[in-house]
């Protein structure tokens, strides 16, 4: 019973920590293949990056937010990143735009694709 209560508490903490990005959708251009238009779909703890033109999943990552830093860890996808390599990116949201800036990332595929990128709110995707 104590284990169940601890798991519930951890789940609530994770959801509230990630609340800044949870259930938001963003549009931006990754620095791959000459510039690929993508959609960043944040759920409560997972980020799915889609090719905007084909709607094909490029990468699925677990994410955690602390202050204005998002930590990314690959679950599966097309990059050469392994599932243990962590990437940290500072993010700033102003109006309907978010900027991601590399803090540190051991995966060159991910850091090269994201680096510093600007995303715009994809209001159509979340029904606004």
C-alpha atoms as a PDB file:
ATOM      1  CA  UNK A   1       0.000   0.000   0.000  1.00  0.00           C
ATOM      2  CA  UNK A   2       2.835   2.415   0.835  1.00  0.00           C
ATOM      3  CA  UNK A   3       4.412   1.751  -2.577  1.00  0.00           C
ATOM      4  CA  UNK A   4       1.166   2.650  -4.341  1.00  0.00           C
ATOM      5  CA  UNK A   5       0.864   5.911  -2.403  1.00  0.00           C
ATOM      6  CA  UNK A   6       4.493   6.825  -3.185  1.00  0.00           C
ATOM      7  CA  UNK A   7       3.922   6.121  -6.914  1.00  0.00           C
ATOM      8  CA  UNK A   8       0.797   8.299  -6.911  1.00  0.00           C
ATOM      9  CA  UNK A   9       2.672  11.153  -5.220  1.00  0.00           C
ATOM     10  CA  UNK A  10       5.564  10.871  -7.691  1.00  0.00           C
ATOM     11  CA  UNK A  11       3.097  10.928 -10.590  1.00  0.00           C
ATOM     12  CA  UNK A  12       1.432  14.113  -9.299  1.00  0.00           C
ATOM     13  CA  UNK A  13       4.817  15.772  -8.773  1.00  0.00           C
ATOM     14  CA  UNK A  14       5.919  14.889 -12.312  1.00  0.00           C
ATOM     15  CA  UNK A  15       2.677  16.205 -13.799  1.00  0.00           C
ATOM     16  CA  UNK A  16       2.833  19.488 -11.871  1.00  0.00           C
ATOM     17  CA  UNK A  17       6.543  20.010 -12.655  1.00  0.00           C
ATOM     18  CA  UNK A  18       5.896  19.529 -16.387  1.00  0.00           C
ATOM     19  CA  UNK A  19       2.745  21.672 -16.364  1.00  0.00           C
ATOM     20  CA  UNK A  20       4.427  24.540 -18.269  1.00  0.00           C
ATOM     21  CA  UNK A  21       4.721  22.410 -21.415  1.00  0.00           C
ATOM     22  CA  UNK A  22       2.143  19.669 -20.796  1.00  0.00           C
ATOM     23  CA  UNK A  23      -0.536  19.348 -23.464  1.00  0.00           C
ATOM     24  CA  UNK A  24       0.972  22.020 -25.712  1.00  0.00           C
ATOM     25  CA  UNK A  25       1.853  21.782 -29.388  1.00  0.00           C
ATOM     26  CA  UNK A  26       4.506  23.787 -31.207  1.00  0.00           C
ATOM     27  CA  UNK A  27       5.708  24.167 -34.774  1.00  0.00           C
ATOM     28  CA  UNK A  28       9.345  24.711 -35.759  1.00  0.00           C
ATOM     29  CA  UNK A  29      12.172  23.788 -38.110  1.00  0.00           C
ATOM     30  CA  UNK A  30      14.764  21.189 -37.102  1.00  0.00           C
ATOM     31  CA  UNK A  31      18.260  21.549 -38.540  1.00  0.00           C
ATOM     32  CA  UNK A  32      18.107  18.229 -40.433  1.00  0.00           C
ATOM     33  CA  UNK A  33      17.840  17.433 -44.127  1.00  0.00           C
ATOM     34  CA  UNK A  34      18.218  21.099 -45.057  1.00  0.00           C
ATOM     35  CA  UNK A  35      15.525  22.167 -42.584  1.00  0.00           C
ATOM     36  CA  UNK A  36      12.555  19.992 -41.675  1.00  0.00           C
ATOM     37  CA  UNK A  37       9.257  21.515 -40.553  1.00  0.00           C
ATOM     38  CA  UNK A  38       8.194  19.698 -37.411  1.00  0.00           C
ATOM     39  CA  UNK A  39       5.520  19.565 -34.735  1.00  0.00           C
ATOM     40  CA  UNK A  40       6.514  19.218 -31.076  1.00  0.00           C
ATOM     41  CA  UNK A  41       3.633  17.603 -29.170  1.00  0.00           C
ATOM     42  CA  UNK A  42       4.082  17.628 -25.389  1.00  0.00           C
ATOM     43  CA  UNK A  43       1.843  15.363 -23.310  1.00  0.00           C
ATOM     44  CA  UNK A  44       2.136  15.179 -19.524  1.00  0.00           C
ATOM     45  CA  UNK A  45       5.607  13.556 -19.629  1.00  0.00           C
ATOM     46  CA  UNK A  46       6.322  12.644 -23.264  1.00  0.00           C
ATOM     47  CA  UNK A  47       7.420  14.721 -26.245  1.00  0.00           C
ATOM     48  CA  UNK A  48       6.600  13.423 -29.721  1.00  0.00           C
ATOM     49  CA  UNK A  49       8.370  15.165 -32.606  1.00  0.00           C
ATOM     50  CA  UNK A  50       6.577  14.744 -35.939  1.00  0.00           C
ATOM     51  CA  UNK A  51       7.505  15.587 -39.520  1.00  0.00           C
ATOM     52  CA  UNK A  52       4.891  18.292 -40.245  1.00  0.00           C
ATOM     53  CA  UNK A  53       4.425  17.338 -43.907  1.00  0.00           C
ATOM     54  CA  UNK A  54       4.086  13.558 -43.500  1.00  0.00           C
ATOM     55  CA  UNK A  55       2.891  13.410 -39.854  1.00  0.00           C
ATOM     56  CA  UNK A  56       5.529  10.668 -39.371  1.00  0.00           C
ATOM     57  CA  UNK A  57       7.057  10.363 -35.896  1.00  0.00           C
ATOM     58  CA  UNK A  58      10.712  11.391 -35.913  1.00  0.00           C
ATOM     59  CA  UNK A  59      11.431  10.903 -32.216  1.00  0.00           C
ATOM     60  CA  UNK A  60       9.627  10.139 -28.969  1.00  0.00           C
ATOM     61  CA  UNK A  61      11.254  11.376 -25.774  1.00  0.00           C
ATOM     62  CA  UNK A  62      10.555  11.489 -22.083  1.00  0.00           C
ATOM     63  CA  UNK A  63      10.831  15.020 -20.731  1.00  0.00           C
ATOM     64  CA  UNK A  64      11.056  16.725 -17.355  1.00  0.00           C
ATOM     65  CA  UNK A  65      10.853  20.466 -16.689  1.00  0.00           C
ATOM     66  CA  UNK A  66      12.658  22.205 -13.854  1.00  0.00           C
ATOM     67  CA  UNK A  67      12.533  25.979 -13.712  1.00  0.00           C
ATOM     68  CA  UNK A  68      13.145  27.034 -17.316  1.00  0.00           C
ATOM     69  CA  UNK A  69      15.089  23.916 -18.363  1.00  0.00           C
ATOM     70  CA  UNK A  70      13.674  20.880 -20.126  1.00  0.00           C
ATOM     71  CA  UNK A  71      15.536  17.568 -19.902  1.00  0.00           C
ATOM     72  CA  UNK A  72      15.061  15.146 -22.821  1.00  0.00           C
ATOM     73  CA  UNK A  73      15.709  11.408 -22.959  1.00  0.00           C
ATOM     74  CA  UNK A  74      15.041   9.298 -26.066  1.00  0.00           C
ATOM     75  CA  UNK A  75      12.490   6.517 -25.818  1.00  0.00           C
ATOM     76  CA  UNK A  76      12.608   5.605 -29.516  1.00  0.00           C
ATOM     77  CA  UNK A  77      13.052   7.224 -32.906  1.00  0.00           C
ATOM     78  CA  UNK A  78      15.338   7.951 -35.840  1.00  0.00           C
ATOM     79  CA  UNK A  79      18.308   9.655 -34.173  1.00  0.00           C
ATOM     80  CA  UNK A  80      21.539   7.923 -33.214  1.00  0.00           C
ATOM     81  CA  UNK A  81      20.930   8.884 -29.560  1.00  0.00           C
ATOM     82  CA  UNK A  82      20.772   6.032 -27.100  1.00  0.00           C
ATOM     83  CA  UNK A  83      18.168   5.828 -24.362  1.00  0.00           C
ATOM     84  CA  UNK A  84      20.581   6.824 -21.603  1.00  0.00           C
ATOM     85  CA  UNK A  85      21.927  10.072 -23.075  1.00  0.00           C
ATOM     86  CA  UNK A  86      20.315  13.143 -21.541  1.00  0.00           C
ATOM     87  CA  UNK A  87      19.899  16.496 -23.259  1.00  0.00           C
ATOM     88  CA  UNK A  88      19.138  19.705 -21.399  1.00  0.00           C
ATOM     89  CA  UNK A  89      17.735  22.798 -23.074  1.00  0.00           C
ATOM     90  CA  UNK A  90      16.755  26.154 -21.658  1.00  0.00           C
ATOM     91  CA  UNK A  91      13.355  27.274 -22.861  1.00  0.00           C
ATOM     92  CA  UNK A  92      11.640  30.622 -22.850  1.00  0.00           C
ATOM     93  CA  UNK A  93       8.016  31.227 -23.771  1.00  0.00           C
ATOM     94  CA  UNK A  94       6.867  34.692 -24.781  1.00  0.00           C
ATOM     95  CA  UNK A  95       3.437  35.252 -26.269  1.00  0.00           C
ATOM     96  CA  UNK A  96       2.965  32.436 -28.795  1.00  0.00           C
ATOM     97  CA  UNK A  97       6.673  31.641 -29.268  1.00  0.00           C
ATOM     98  CA  UNK A  98       9.123  29.355 -27.502  1.00  0.00           C
ATOM     99  CA  UNK A  99      12.896  29.388 -27.870  1.00  0.00           C
ATOM    100  CA  UNK A 100      14.939  26.280 -27.061  1.00  0.00           C
ATOM    101  CA  UNK A 101      18.663  26.796 -26.407  1.00  0.00           C
ATOM    102  CA  UNK A 102      21.216  24.052 -25.866  1.00  0.00           C
ATOM    103  CA  UNK A 103      22.607  23.779 -22.327  1.00  0.00           C
ATOM    104  CA  UNK A 104      24.251  20.355 -22.725  1.00  0.00           C
ATOM    105  CA  UNK A 105      23.568  17.201 -24.707  1.00  0.00           C
ATOM    106  CA  UNK A 106      25.700  14.094 -25.190  1.00  0.00           C
ATOM    107  CA  UNK A 107      23.762  13.212 -28.341  1.00  0.00           C
ATOM    108  CA  UNK A 108      25.148  15.088 -31.330  1.00  0.00           C
ATOM    109  CA  UNK A 109      22.141  14.157 -33.503  1.00  0.00           C
ATOM    110  CA  UNK A 110      19.702  15.835 -31.119  1.00  0.00           C
ATOM    111  CA  UNK A 111      21.867  18.847 -30.239  1.00  0.00           C
ATOM    112  CA  UNK A 112      22.687  19.429 -33.913  1.00  0.00           C
ATOM    113  CA  UNK A 113      19.026  19.243 -34.907  1.00  0.00           C
ATOM    114  CA  UNK A 114      17.720  21.455 -32.090  1.00  0.00           C
ATOM    115  CA  UNK A 115      20.681  23.667 -31.095  1.00  0.00           C
ATOM    116  CA  UNK A 116      18.862  26.953 -30.714  1.00  0.00           C
ATOM    117  CA  UNK A 117      15.453  26.869 -32.323  1.00  0.00           C
ATOM    118  CA  UNK A 118      12.337  28.971 -32.294  1.00  0.00           C
ATOM    119  CA  UNK A 119       8.926  27.353 -32.181  1.00  0.00           C
ATOM    120  CA  UNK A 120       5.505  28.912 -32.536  1.00  0.00           C
ATOM    121  CA  UNK A 121       2.378  27.810 -30.783  1.00  0.00           C
ATOM    122  CA  UNK A 122       0.384  25.444 -32.954  1.00  0.00           C
ATOM    123  CA  UNK A 123      -3.016  26.757 -31.829  1.00  0.00           C
ATOM    124  CA  UNK A 124      -4.883  24.854 -34.504  1.00  0.00           C
ATOM    125  CA  UNK A 125      -3.494  21.596 -33.121  1.00  0.00           C
ATOM    126  CA  UNK A 126      -4.896  22.220 -29.646  1.00  0.00           C
ATOM    127  CA  UNK A 127      -8.174  23.651 -30.760  1.00  0.00           C
ATOM    128  CA  UNK A 128      -7.798  27.362 -30.029  1.00  0.00           C
END
